Amino acid sequence: MNQLDATFAALSDPTRRAILARLIDGEASVMELAEPFAMSQPSISKHLKVLENAGLISRGRDAQRRPCRLEAKPLAEATEWLERYRKIWEGNFQRLDALLGALQAKKNPGEAEQ
């Protein structure tokens, strides 16, 4: 599985997306990340493992605590990939808007100037 596949696979789960959203605010322990969810700590740990394998989070070491932190590089690569398609769709919509405007002006020549 390449990096982009791993990133999108990890992002496909709402719990993992919620964990990433929490980590935007800063590092957190597994217990802190598990608090808002009605699931066991082992289940949260499985989600963290998927995020870690995708490179979306890393775990540090602070005495007994192993805080998780967000890693931006895979998200930046996914955003860059999506941005190419957003630009294509934006160009298509702009051409459609221009066509609809031209058709509307042809249909109602006086209203197009208002």
PDB file of N, CA and C in Angstrom:
ATOM      1  N   MET A   1       0.850  -1.174   0.000  1.00  0.00           N
ATOM      2  CA  MET A   1       0.000   0.000   0.000  1.00  0.00           C
ATOM      3  C   MET A   1       0.894   1.236   0.000  1.00  0.00           C
ATOM      4  N   ASN A   2       0.662   2.138  -0.945  1.00  0.00           N
ATOM      5  CA  ASN A   2       1.491   3.342  -0.954  1.00  0.00           C
ATOM      6  C   ASN A   2       0.978   4.355   0.063  1.00  0.00           C
ATOM      7  N   GLN A   3       1.711   5.459   0.222  1.00  0.00           N
ATOM      8  CA  GLN A   3       1.381   6.451   1.256  1.00  0.00           C
ATOM      9  C   GLN A   3      -0.017   7.035   1.069  1.00  0.00           C
ATOM     10  N   LEU A   4      -0.361   7.383  -0.162  1.00  0.00           N
ATOM     11  CA  LEU A   4      -1.664   7.991  -0.421  1.00  0.00           C
ATOM     12  C   LEU A   4      -2.794   7.002  -0.110  1.00  0.00           C
ATOM     13  N   ASP A   5      -2.622   5.740  -0.500  1.00  0.00           N
ATOM     14  CA  ASP A   5      -3.619   4.707  -0.181  1.00  0.00           C
ATOM     15  C   ASP A   5      -3.786   4.573   1.333  1.00  0.00           C
ATOM     16  N   ALA A   6      -2.663   4.530   2.046  1.00  0.00           N
ATOM     17  CA  ALA A   6      -2.711   4.384   3.503  1.00  0.00           C
ATOM     18  C   ALA A   6      -3.391   5.587   4.151  1.00  0.00           C
ATOM     19  N   THR A   7      -3.117   6.779   3.624  1.00  0.00           N
ATOM     20  CA  THR A   7      -3.734   7.993   4.179  1.00  0.00           C
ATOM     21  C   THR A   7      -5.244   7.953   4.004  1.00  0.00           C
ATOM     22  N   PHE A   8      -5.709   7.687   2.780  1.00  0.00           N
ATOM     23  CA  PHE A   8      -7.160   7.680   2.546  1.00  0.00           C
ATOM     24  C   PHE A   8      -7.828   6.505   3.270  1.00  0.00           C
ATOM     25  N   ALA A   9      -7.168   5.375   3.372  1.00  0.00           N
ATOM     26  CA  ALA A   9      -7.741   4.245   4.114  1.00  0.00           C
ATOM     27  C   ALA A   9      -7.910   4.624   5.588  1.00  0.00           C
ATOM     28  N   ALA A  10      -6.907   5.285   6.141  1.00  0.00           N
ATOM     29  CA  ALA A  10      -6.991   5.707   7.546  1.00  0.00           C
ATOM     30  C   ALA A  10      -8.081   6.758   7.733  1.00  0.00           C
ATOM     31  N   LEU A  11      -8.219   7.658   6.773  1.00  0.00           N
ATOM     32  CA  LEU A  11      -9.222   8.726   6.881  1.00  0.00           C
ATOM     33  C   LEU A  11     -10.639   8.238   6.625  1.00  0.00           C
ATOM     34  N   SER A  12     -10.794   7.003   6.170  1.00  0.00           N
ATOM     35  CA  SER A  12     -12.132   6.499   5.842  1.00  0.00           C
ATOM     36  C   SER A  12     -12.988   6.230   7.078  1.00  0.00           C
ATOM     37  N   ASP A  13     -12.387   6.240   8.245  1.00  0.00           N
ATOM     38  CA  ASP A  13     -13.126   5.931   9.472  1.00  0.00           C
ATOM     39  C   ASP A  13     -13.398   7.210  10.275  1.00  0.00           C
ATOM     40  N   PRO A  14     -14.654   7.442  10.688  1.00  0.00           N
ATOM     41  CA  PRO A  14     -14.979   8.682  11.423  1.00  0.00           C
ATOM     42  C   PRO A  14     -14.281   8.792  12.774  1.00  0.00           C
ATOM     43  N   THR A  15     -14.034   7.675  13.433  1.00  0.00           N
ATOM     44  CA  THR A  15     -13.321   7.733  14.719  1.00  0.00           C
ATOM     45  C   THR A  15     -11.900   8.233  14.504  1.00  0.00           C
ATOM     46  N   ARG A  16     -11.263   7.734  13.472  1.00  0.00           N
ATOM     47  CA  ARG A  16      -9.881   8.164  13.199  1.00  0.00           C
ATOM     48  C   ARG A  16      -9.843   9.637  12.800  1.00  0.00           C
ATOM     49  N   ARG A  17     -10.840  10.078  12.029  1.00  0.00           N
ATOM     50  CA  ARG A  17     -10.883  11.507  11.678  1.00  0.00           C
ATOM     51  C   ARG A  17     -11.098  12.354  12.929  1.00  0.00           C
ATOM     52  N   ALA A  18     -11.933  11.886  13.850  1.00  0.00           N
ATOM     53  CA  ALA A  18     -12.164  12.619  15.103  1.00  0.00           C
ATOM     54  C   ALA A  18     -10.884  12.675  15.940  1.00  0.00           C
ATOM     55  N   ILE A  19     -10.140  11.593  15.949  1.00  0.00           N
ATOM     56  CA  ILE A  19      -8.869  11.581  16.689  1.00  0.00           C
ATOM     57  C   ILE A  19      -7.905  12.601  16.082  1.00  0.00           C
ATOM     58  N   LEU A  20      -7.829  12.642  14.763  1.00  0.00           N
ATOM     59  CA  LEU A  20      -6.953  13.624  14.117  1.00  0.00           C
ATOM     60  C   LEU A  20      -7.415  15.040  14.437  1.00  0.00           C
ATOM     61  N   ALA A  21      -8.731  15.255  14.428  1.00  0.00           N
ATOM     62  CA  ALA A  21      -9.260  16.591  14.747  1.00  0.00           C
ATOM     63  C   ALA A  21      -8.869  16.986  16.172  1.00  0.00           C
ATOM     64  N   ARG A  22      -8.901  16.043  17.094  1.00  0.00           N
ATOM     65  CA  ARG A  22      -8.496  16.338  18.478  1.00  0.00           C
ATOM     66  C   ARG A  22      -7.011  16.686  18.538  1.00  0.00           C
ATOM     67  N   LEU A  23      -6.203  16.004  17.745  1.00  0.00           N
ATOM     68  CA  LEU A  23      -4.752  16.233  17.792  1.00  0.00           C
ATOM     69  C   LEU A  23      -4.342  17.560  17.160  1.00  0.00           C
ATOM     70  N   ILE A  24      -5.250  18.206  16.450  1.00  0.00           N
ATOM     71  CA  ILE A  24      -4.953  19.561  15.931  1.00  0.00           C
ATOM     72  C   ILE A  24      -4.681  20.496  17.101  1.00  0.00           C
ATOM     73  N   ASP A  25      -5.359  20.246  18.228  1.00  0.00           N
ATOM     74  CA  ASP A  25      -5.191  21.102  19.416  1.00  0.00           C
ATOM     75  C   ASP A  25      -3.901  20.815  20.178  1.00  0.00           C
ATOM     76  N   GLY A  26      -3.208  19.743  19.831  1.00  0.00           N
ATOM     77  CA  GLY A  26      -1.954  19.428  20.506  1.00  0.00           C
ATOM     78  C   GLY A  26      -1.868  17.963  20.873  1.00  0.00           C
ATOM     79  N   GLU A  27      -0.730  17.592  21.422  1.00  0.00           N
ATOM     80  CA  GLU A  27      -0.476  16.204  21.788  1.00  0.00           C
ATOM     81  C   GLU A  27      -1.495  15.706  22.812  1.00  0.00           C
ATOM     82  N   ALA A  28      -1.737  14.403  22.783  1.00  0.00           N
ATOM     83  CA  ALA A  28      -2.661  13.798  23.748  1.00  0.00           C
ATOM     84  C   ALA A  28      -2.256  12.350  23.976  1.00  0.00           C
ATOM     85  N   SER A  29      -2.538  11.882  25.182  1.00  0.00           N
ATOM     86  CA  SER A  29      -2.277  10.473  25.505  1.00  0.00           C
ATOM     87  C   SER A  29      -3.415   9.617  24.960  1.00  0.00           C
ATOM     88  N   VAL A  30      -3.213   8.311  24.978  1.00  0.00           N
ATOM     89  CA  VAL A  30      -4.255   7.391  24.519  1.00  0.00           C
ATOM     90  C   VAL A  30      -5.514   7.563  25.374  1.00  0.00           C
ATOM     91  N   MET A  31      -5.341   7.704  26.677  1.00  0.00           N
ATOM     92  CA  MET A  31      -6.495   7.884  27.581  1.00  0.00           C
ATOM     93  C   MET A  31      -7.257   9.164  27.222  1.00  0.00           C
ATOM     94  N   GLU A  32      -6.526  10.237  26.963  1.00  0.00           N
ATOM     95  CA  GLU A  32      -7.176  11.507  26.604  1.00  0.00           C
ATOM     96  C   GLU A  32      -7.911  11.375  25.272  1.00  0.00           C
ATOM     97  N   LEU A  33      -7.312  10.655  24.352  1.00  0.00           N
ATOM     98  CA  LEU A  33      -7.954  10.479  23.044  1.00  0.00           C
ATOM     99  C   LEU A  33      -9.175   9.571  23.131  1.00  0.00           C
ATOM    100  N   ALA A  34      -9.166   8.649  24.090  1.00  0.00           N
ATOM    101  CA  ALA A  34     -10.272   7.697  24.230  1.00  0.00           C
ATOM    102  C   ALA A  34     -11.491   8.298  24.924  1.00  0.00           C
ATOM    103  N   GLU A  35     -11.294   9.374  25.692  1.00  0.00           N
ATOM    104  CA  GLU A  35     -12.378   9.940  26.518  1.00  0.00           C
ATOM    105  C   GLU A  35     -13.699  10.165  25.779  1.00  0.00           C
ATOM    106  N   PRO A  36     -13.704  10.822  24.622  1.00  0.00           N
ATOM    107  CA  PRO A  36     -15.008  11.134  24.003  1.00  0.00           C
ATOM    108  C   PRO A  36     -15.692   9.947  23.330  1.00  0.00           C
ATOM    109  N   PHE A  37     -15.056   8.813  23.274  1.00  0.00           N
ATOM    110  CA  PHE A  37     -15.613   7.683  22.537  1.00  0.00           C
ATOM    111  C   PHE A  37     -16.150   6.613  23.481  1.00  0.00           C
ATOM    112  N   ALA A  38     -17.238   5.996  23.070  1.00  0.00           N
ATOM    113  CA  ALA A  38     -17.822   4.894  23.852  1.00  0.00           C
ATOM    114  C   ALA A  38     -17.256   3.587  23.335  1.00  0.00           C
ATOM    115  N   MET A  39     -15.958   3.434  23.482  1.00  0.00           N
ATOM    116  CA  MET A  39     -15.309   2.192  23.054  1.00  0.00           C
ATOM    117  C   MET A  39     -14.141   1.916  23.982  1.00  0.00           C
ATOM    118  N   SER A  40     -13.690   0.695  23.958  1.00  0.00           N
ATOM    119  CA  SER A  40     -12.614   0.285  24.853  1.00  0.00           C
ATOM    120  C   SER A  40     -11.284   0.907  24.428  1.00  0.00           C
ATOM    121  N   GLN A  41     -10.367   0.936  25.388  1.00  0.00           N
ATOM    122  CA  GLN A  41      -9.037   1.465  25.076  1.00  0.00           C
ATOM    123  C   GLN A  41      -8.323   0.627  24.013  1.00  0.00           C
ATOM    124  N   PRO A  42      -8.465  -0.726  24.042  1.00  0.00           N
ATOM    125  CA  PRO A  42      -7.845  -1.503  22.957  1.00  0.00           C
ATOM    126  C   PRO A  42      -8.389  -1.127  21.570  1.00  0.00           C
ATOM    127  N   SER A  43      -9.674  -0.801  21.510  1.00  0.00           N
ATOM    128  CA  SER A  43     -10.240  -0.381  20.219  1.00  0.00           C
ATOM    129  C   SER A  43      -9.627   0.934  19.764  1.00  0.00           C
ATOM    130  N   ILE A  44      -9.475   1.869  20.703  1.00  0.00           N
ATOM    131  CA  ILE A  44      -8.827   3.149  20.364  1.00  0.00           C
ATOM    132  C   ILE A  44      -7.384   2.899  19.944  1.00  0.00           C
ATOM    133  N   SER A  45      -6.722   1.989  20.644  1.00  0.00           N
ATOM    134  CA  SER A  45      -5.330   1.674  20.291  1.00  0.00           C
ATOM    135  C   SER A  45      -5.234   1.110  18.870  1.00  0.00           C
ATOM    136  N   LYS A  46      -6.226   0.327  18.452  1.00  0.00           N
ATOM    137  CA  LYS A  46      -6.217  -0.185  17.077  1.00  0.00           C
ATOM    138  C   LYS A  46      -6.348   0.952  16.073  1.00  0.00           C
ATOM    139  N   HIS A  47      -7.219   1.914  16.386  1.00  0.00           N
ATOM    140  CA  HIS A  47      -7.349   3.078  15.499  1.00  0.00           C
ATOM    141  C   HIS A  47      -6.034   3.863  15.454  1.00  0.00           C
ATOM    142  N   LEU A  48      -5.404   4.016  16.595  1.00  0.00           N
ATOM    143  CA  LEU A  48      -4.134   4.752  16.642  1.00  0.00           C
ATOM    144  C   LEU A  48      -3.062   4.029  15.841  1.00  0.00           C
ATOM    145  N   LYS A  49      -3.083   2.714  15.887  1.00  0.00           N
ATOM    146  CA  LYS A  49      -2.099   1.939  15.124  1.00  0.00           C
ATOM    147  C   LYS A  49      -2.282   2.174  13.618  1.00  0.00           C
ATOM    148  N   VAL A  50      -3.532   2.208  13.171  1.00  0.00           N
ATOM    149  CA  VAL A  50      -3.794   2.477  11.752  1.00  0.00           C
ATOM    150  C   VAL A  50      -3.280   3.867  11.382  1.00  0.00           C
ATOM    151  N   LEU A  51      -3.573   4.850  12.237  1.00  0.00           N
ATOM    152  CA  LEU A  51      -3.109   6.221  11.976  1.00  0.00           C
ATOM    153  C   LEU A  51      -1.583   6.297  11.991  1.00  0.00           C
ATOM    154  N   GLU A  52      -0.970   5.572  12.896  1.00  0.00           N
ATOM    155  CA  GLU A  52       0.490   5.566  12.993  1.00  0.00           C
ATOM    156  C   GLU A  52       1.107   4.879  11.770  1.00  0.00           C
ATOM    157  N   ASN A  53       0.537   3.769  11.344  1.00  0.00           N
ATOM    158  CA  ASN A  53       1.049   3.073  10.155  1.00  0.00           C
ATOM    159  C   ASN A  53       0.903   3.918   8.891  1.00  0.00           C
ATOM    160  N   ALA A  54      -0.122   4.761   8.870  1.00  0.00           N
ATOM    161  CA  ALA A  54      -0.312   5.656   7.723  1.00  0.00           C
ATOM    162  C   ALA A  54       0.580   6.897   7.822  1.00  0.00           C
ATOM    163  N   GLY A  55       1.283   7.037   8.930  1.00  0.00           N
ATOM    164  CA  GLY A  55       2.167   8.187   9.112  1.00  0.00           C
ATOM    165  C   GLY A  55       1.428   9.453   9.511  1.00  0.00           C
ATOM    166  N   LEU A  56       0.151   9.317   9.864  1.00  0.00           N
ATOM    167  CA  LEU A  56      -0.646  10.494  10.214  1.00  0.00           C
ATOM    168  C   LEU A  56      -0.420  10.953  11.652  1.00  0.00           C
ATOM    169  N   ILE A  57       0.056  10.039  12.497  1.00  0.00           N
ATOM    170  CA  ILE A  57       0.412  10.418  13.873  1.00  0.00           C
ATOM    171  C   ILE A  57       1.744   9.772  14.211  1.00  0.00           C
ATOM    172  N   SER A  58       2.368  10.299  15.226  1.00  0.00           N
ATOM    173  CA  SER A  58       3.564   9.668  15.788  1.00  0.00           C
ATOM    174  C   SER A  58       3.391   9.663  17.301  1.00  0.00           C
ATOM    175  N   ARG A  59       4.143   8.805  17.948  1.00  0.00           N
ATOM    176  CA  ARG A  59       4.069   8.710  19.402  1.00  0.00           C
ATOM    177  C   ARG A  59       5.433   9.020  19.986  1.00  0.00           C
ATOM    178  N   GLY A  60       5.424   9.907  20.944  1.00  0.00           N
ATOM    179  CA  GLY A  60       6.658  10.268  21.622  1.00  0.00           C
ATOM    180  C   GLY A  60       6.777   9.500  22.921  1.00  0.00           C
ATOM    181  N   ARG A  61       7.724   9.921  23.729  1.00  0.00           N
ATOM    182  CA  ARG A  61       7.874   9.303  25.043  1.00  0.00           C
ATOM    183  C   ARG A  61       8.173  10.420  26.024  1.00  0.00           C
ATOM    184  N   ASP A  62       7.334  10.503  27.061  1.00  0.00           N
ATOM    185  CA  ASP A  62       7.488  11.501  28.109  1.00  0.00           C
ATOM    186  C   ASP A  62       7.283  10.773  29.435  1.00  0.00           C
ATOM    187  N   ALA A  63       8.370  10.251  29.987  1.00  0.00           N
ATOM    188  CA  ALA A  63       8.324   9.408  31.192  1.00  0.00           C
ATOM    189  C   ALA A  63       7.422   8.201  30.917  1.00  0.00           C
ATOM    190  N   GLN A  64       6.349   8.042  31.679  1.00  0.00           N
ATOM    191  CA  GLN A  64       5.429   6.912  31.497  1.00  0.00           C
ATOM    192  C   GLN A  64       4.424   7.173  30.381  1.00  0.00           C
ATOM    193  N   ARG A  65       4.346   8.387  29.955  1.00  0.00           N
ATOM    194  CA  ARG A  65       3.334   8.815  28.988  1.00  0.00           C
ATOM    195  C   ARG A  65       3.881   8.695  27.572  1.00  0.00           C
ATOM    196  N   ARG A  66       3.025   8.248  26.637  1.00  0.00           N
ATOM    197  CA  ARG A  66       3.425   8.186  25.227  1.00  0.00           C
ATOM    198  C   ARG A  66       2.442   9.043  24.430  1.00  0.00           C
ATOM    199  N   PRO A  67       2.664  10.359  24.415  1.00  0.00           N
ATOM    200  CA  PRO A  67       1.724  11.248  23.739  1.00  0.00           C
ATOM    201  C   PRO A  67       1.727  11.050  22.223  1.00  0.00           C
ATOM    202  N   CYS A  68       0.538  11.191  21.653  1.00  0.00           N
ATOM    203  CA  CYS A  68       0.380  11.112  20.203  1.00  0.00           C
ATOM    204  C   CYS A  68       0.367  12.528  19.651  1.00  0.00           C
ATOM    205  N   ARG A  69       0.962  12.673  18.482  1.00  0.00           N
ATOM    206  CA  ARG A  69       0.952  13.990  17.832  1.00  0.00           C
ATOM    207  C   ARG A  69       0.626  13.819  16.362  1.00  0.00           C
ATOM    208  N   LEU A  70       0.027  14.843  15.816  1.00  0.00           N
ATOM    209  CA  LEU A  70      -0.360  14.860  14.412  1.00  0.00           C
ATOM    210  C   LEU A  70       0.867  15.057  13.533  1.00  0.00           C
ATOM    211  N   GLU A  71       0.939  14.321  12.460  1.00  0.00           N
ATOM    212  CA  GLU A  71       2.008  14.492  11.470  1.00  0.00           C
ATOM    213  C   GLU A  71       1.370  15.027  10.194  1.00  0.00           C
ATOM    214  N   ALA A  72       1.819  16.156   9.752  1.00  0.00           N
ATOM    215  CA  ALA A  72       1.140  16.883   8.670  1.00  0.00           C
ATOM    216  C   ALA A  72       1.491  16.403   7.259  1.00  0.00           C
ATOM    217  N   LYS A  73       2.650  15.804   7.071  1.00  0.00           N
ATOM    218  CA  LYS A  73       3.108  15.501   5.711  1.00  0.00           C
ATOM    219  C   LYS A  73       2.134  14.634   4.906  1.00  0.00           C
ATOM    220  N   PRO A  74       1.623  13.508   5.458  1.00  0.00           N
ATOM    221  CA  PRO A  74       0.682  12.716   4.651  1.00  0.00           C
ATOM    222  C   PRO A  74      -0.598  13.471   4.312  1.00  0.00           C
ATOM    223  N   LEU A  75      -1.071  14.314   5.234  1.00  0.00           N
ATOM    224  CA  LEU A  75      -2.265  15.110   4.943  1.00  0.00           C
ATOM    225  C   LEU A  75      -1.977  16.141   3.862  1.00  0.00           C
ATOM    226  N   ALA A  76      -0.792  16.703   3.878  1.00  0.00           N
ATOM    227  CA  ALA A  76      -0.415  17.676   2.845  1.00  0.00           C
ATOM    228  C   ALA A  76      -0.366  16.990   1.476  1.00  0.00           C
ATOM    229  N   GLU A  77       0.160  15.762   1.431  1.00  0.00           N
ATOM    230  CA  GLU A  77       0.207  15.029   0.163  1.00  0.00           C
ATOM    231  C   GLU A  77      -1.195  14.690  -0.337  1.00  0.00           C
ATOM    232  N   ALA A  78      -2.088  14.308   0.581  1.00  0.00           N
ATOM    233  CA  ALA A  78      -3.470  14.008   0.193  1.00  0.00           C
ATOM    234  C   ALA A  78      -4.174  15.275  -0.295  1.00  0.00           C
ATOM    235  N   THR A  79      -3.943  16.377   0.381  1.00  0.00           N
ATOM    236  CA  THR A  79      -4.544  17.652  -0.026  1.00  0.00           C
ATOM    237  C   THR A  79      -4.045  18.061  -1.407  1.00  0.00           C
ATOM    238  N   GLU A  80      -2.760  17.882  -1.647  1.00  0.00           N
ATOM    239  CA  GLU A  80      -2.184  18.205  -2.956  1.00  0.00           C
ATOM    240  C   GLU A  80      -2.820  17.349  -4.058  1.00  0.00           C
ATOM    241  N   TRP A  81      -3.037  16.081  -3.768  1.00  0.00           N
ATOM    242  CA  TRP A  81      -3.668  15.170  -4.741  1.00  0.00           C
ATOM    243  C   TRP A  81      -5.103  15.615  -5.019  1.00  0.00           C
ATOM    244  N   LEU A  82      -5.849  15.935  -3.967  1.00  0.00           N
ATOM    245  CA  LEU A  82      -7.238  16.382  -4.131  1.00  0.00           C
ATOM    246  C   LEU A  82      -7.328  17.727  -4.837  1.00  0.00           C
ATOM    247  N   GLU A  83      -6.354  18.581  -4.580  1.00  0.00           N
ATOM    248  CA  GLU A  83      -6.360  19.930  -5.173  1.00  0.00           C
ATOM    249  C   GLU A  83      -6.341  19.877  -6.697  1.00  0.00           C
ATOM    250  N   ARG A  84      -5.626  18.926  -7.271  1.00  0.00           N
ATOM    251  CA  ARG A  84      -5.597  18.790  -8.736  1.00  0.00           C
ATOM    252  C   ARG A  84      -7.002  18.552  -9.273  1.00  0.00           C
ATOM    253  N   TYR A  85      -7.762  17.720  -8.606  1.00  0.00           N
ATOM    254  CA  TYR A  85      -9.124  17.404  -9.063  1.00  0.00           C
ATOM    255  C   TYR A  85     -10.076  18.556  -8.785  1.00  0.00           C
ATOM    256  N   ARG A  86      -9.849  19.263  -7.677  1.00  0.00           N
ATOM    257  CA  ARG A  86     -10.680  20.431  -7.379  1.00  0.00           C
ATOM    258  C   ARG A  86     -10.508  21.471  -8.490  1.00  0.00           C
ATOM    259  N   LYS A  87      -9.307  21.679  -8.959  1.00  0.00           N
ATOM    260  CA  LYS A  87      -9.055  22.650 -10.022  1.00  0.00           C
ATOM    261  C   LYS A  87      -9.751  22.241 -11.318  1.00  0.00           C
ATOM    262  N   ILE A  88      -9.747  20.953 -11.629  1.00  0.00           N
ATOM    263  CA  ILE A  88     -10.439  20.472 -12.835  1.00  0.00           C
ATOM    264  C   ILE A  88     -11.929  20.760 -12.718  1.00  0.00           C
ATOM    265  N   TRP A  89     -12.526  20.415 -11.562  1.00  0.00           N
ATOM    266  CA  TRP A  89     -13.967  20.650 -11.376  1.00  0.00           C
ATOM    267  C   TRP A  89     -14.286  22.128 -11.364  1.00  0.00           C
ATOM    268  N   GLU A  90     -13.450  22.926 -10.770  1.00  0.00           N
ATOM    269  CA  GLU A  90     -13.678  24.365 -10.742  1.00  0.00           C
ATOM    270  C   GLU A  90     -13.672  24.925 -12.162  1.00  0.00           C
ATOM    271  N   GLY A  91     -12.738  24.463 -13.002  1.00  0.00           N
ATOM    272  CA  GLY A  91     -12.706  24.895 -14.402  1.00  0.00           C
ATOM    273  C   GLY A  91     -13.962  24.468 -15.144  1.00  0.00           C
ATOM    274  N   ASN A  92     -14.424  23.251 -14.882  1.00  0.00           N
ATOM    275  CA  ASN A  92     -15.655  22.770 -15.518  1.00  0.00           C
ATOM    276  C   ASN A  92     -16.850  23.621 -15.100  1.00  0.00           C
ATOM    277  N   PHE A  93     -16.947  23.951 -13.832  1.00  0.00           N
ATOM    278  CA  PHE A  93     -18.066  24.772 -13.353  1.00  0.00           C
ATOM    279  C   PHE A  93     -17.988  26.188 -13.928  1.00  0.00           C
ATOM    280  N   GLN A  94     -16.807  26.738 -14.065  1.00  0.00           N
ATOM    281  CA  GLN A  94     -16.670  28.080 -14.644  1.00  0.00           C
ATOM    282  C   GLN A  94     -17.109  28.078 -16.107  1.00  0.00           C
ATOM    283  N   ARG A  95     -16.757  27.026 -16.848  1.00  0.00           N
ATOM    284  CA  ARG A  95     -17.196  26.933 -18.243  1.00  0.00           C
ATOM    285  C   ARG A  95     -18.719  26.757 -18.320  1.00  0.00           C
ATOM    286  N   LEU A  96     -19.272  25.968 -17.411  1.00  0.00           N
ATOM    287  CA  LEU A  96     -20.724  25.790 -17.364  1.00  0.00           C
ATOM    288  C   LEU A  96     -21.418  27.106 -17.015  1.00  0.00           C
ATOM    289  N   ASP A  97     -20.895  27.852 -16.052  1.00  0.00           N
ATOM    290  CA  ASP A  97     -21.461  29.157 -15.701  1.00  0.00           C
ATOM    291  C   ASP A  97     -21.435  30.101 -16.892  1.00  0.00           C
ATOM    292  N   ALA A  98     -20.328  30.112 -17.632  1.00  0.00           N
ATOM    293  CA  ALA A  98     -20.212  30.984 -18.797  1.00  0.00           C
ATOM    294  C   ALA A  98     -21.227  30.581 -19.860  1.00  0.00           C
ATOM    295  N   LEU A  99     -21.374  29.281 -20.086  1.00  0.00           N
ATOM    296  CA  LEU A  99     -22.340  28.800 -21.071  1.00  0.00           C
ATOM    297  C   LEU A  99     -23.759  29.167 -20.659  1.00  0.00           C
ATOM    298  N   LEU A 100     -24.103  28.937 -19.400  1.00  0.00           N
ATOM    299  CA  LEU A 100     -25.440  29.276 -18.919  1.00  0.00           C
ATOM    300  C   LEU A 100     -25.690  30.782 -19.000  1.00  0.00           C
ATOM    301  N   GLY A 101     -24.687  31.570 -18.694  1.00  0.00           N
ATOM    302  CA  GLY A 101     -24.816  33.026 -18.816  1.00  0.00           C
ATOM    303  C   GLY A 101     -25.050  33.440 -20.255  1.00  0.00           C
ATOM    304  N   ALA A 102     -24.315  32.824 -21.185  1.00  0.00           N
ATOM    305  CA  ALA A 102     -24.483  33.148 -22.614  1.00  0.00           C
ATOM    306  C   ALA A 102     -25.860  32.723 -23.095  1.00  0.00           C
ATOM    307  N   LEU A 103     -26.322  31.554 -22.673  1.00  0.00           N
ATOM    308  CA  LEU A 103     -27.659  31.094 -23.067  1.00  0.00           C
ATOM    309  C   LEU A 103     -28.736  31.997 -22.481  1.00  0.00           C
ATOM    310  N   GLN A 104     -28.559  32.416 -21.240  1.00  0.00           N
ATOM    311  CA  GLN A 104     -29.530  33.310 -20.593  1.00  0.00           C
ATOM    312  C   GLN A 104     -29.553  34.660 -21.307  1.00  0.00           C
ATOM    313  N   ALA A 105     -28.398  35.169 -21.681  1.00  0.00           N
ATOM    314  CA  ALA A 105     -28.320  36.460 -22.382  1.00  0.00           C
ATOM    315  C   ALA A 105     -28.974  36.365 -23.751  1.00  0.00           C
ATOM    316  N   LYS A 106     -28.832  35.228 -24.417  1.00  0.00           N
ATOM    317  CA  LYS A 106     -29.446  35.022 -25.721  1.00  0.00           C
ATOM    318  C   LYS A 106     -30.976  34.965 -25.596  1.00  0.00           C
ATOM    319  N   LYS A 107     -31.432  34.298 -24.514  1.00  0.00           N
ATOM    320  CA  LYS A 107     -32.867  34.114 -24.285  1.00  0.00           C
ATOM    321  C   LYS A 107     -33.531  35.425 -23.876  1.00  0.00           C
ATOM    322  N   ASN A 108     -32.879  36.185 -23.011  1.00  0.00           N
ATOM    323  CA  ASN A 108     -33.411  37.445 -22.493  1.00  0.00           C
ATOM    324  C   ASN A 108     -32.378  38.549 -22.689  1.00  0.00           C
ATOM    325  N   PRO A 109     -32.201  39.066 -23.885  1.00  0.00           N
ATOM    326  CA  PRO A 109     -31.136  40.039 -24.141  1.00  0.00           C
ATOM    327  C   PRO A 109     -31.201  41.273 -23.250  1.00  0.00           C
ATOM    328  N   GLY A 110     -32.344  41.770 -22.895  1.00  0.00           N
ATOM    329  CA  GLY A 110     -32.455  42.965 -22.063  1.00  0.00           C
ATOM    330  C   GLY A 110     -32.102  42.702 -20.610  1.00  0.00           C
ATOM    331  N   GLU A 111     -32.379  41.518 -20.092  1.00  0.00           N
ATOM    332  CA  GLU A 111     -32.121  41.199 -18.681  1.00  0.00           C
ATOM    333  C   GLU A 111     -30.648  40.967 -18.401  1.00  0.00           C
ATOM    334  N   ALA A 112     -29.891  40.540 -19.374  1.00  0.00           N
ATOM    335  CA  ALA A 112     -28.467  40.264 -19.164  1.00  0.00           C
ATOM    336  C   ALA A 112     -27.700  41.518 -18.799  1.00  0.00           C
ATOM    337  N   GLU A 113     -28.181  42.707 -19.266  1.00  0.00           N
ATOM    338  CA  GLU A 113     -27.469  43.955 -18.984  1.00  0.00           C
ATOM    339  C   GLU A 113     -27.798  44.502 -17.608  1.00  0.00           C
ATOM    340  N   GLN A 114     -28.880  44.024 -16.979  1.00  0.00           N
ATOM    341  CA  GLN A 114     -29.285  44.569 -15.677  1.00  0.00           C
ATOM    342  C   GLN A 114     -28.463  44.026 -14.560  1.00  0.00           C
TER     343      GLN A 114
END
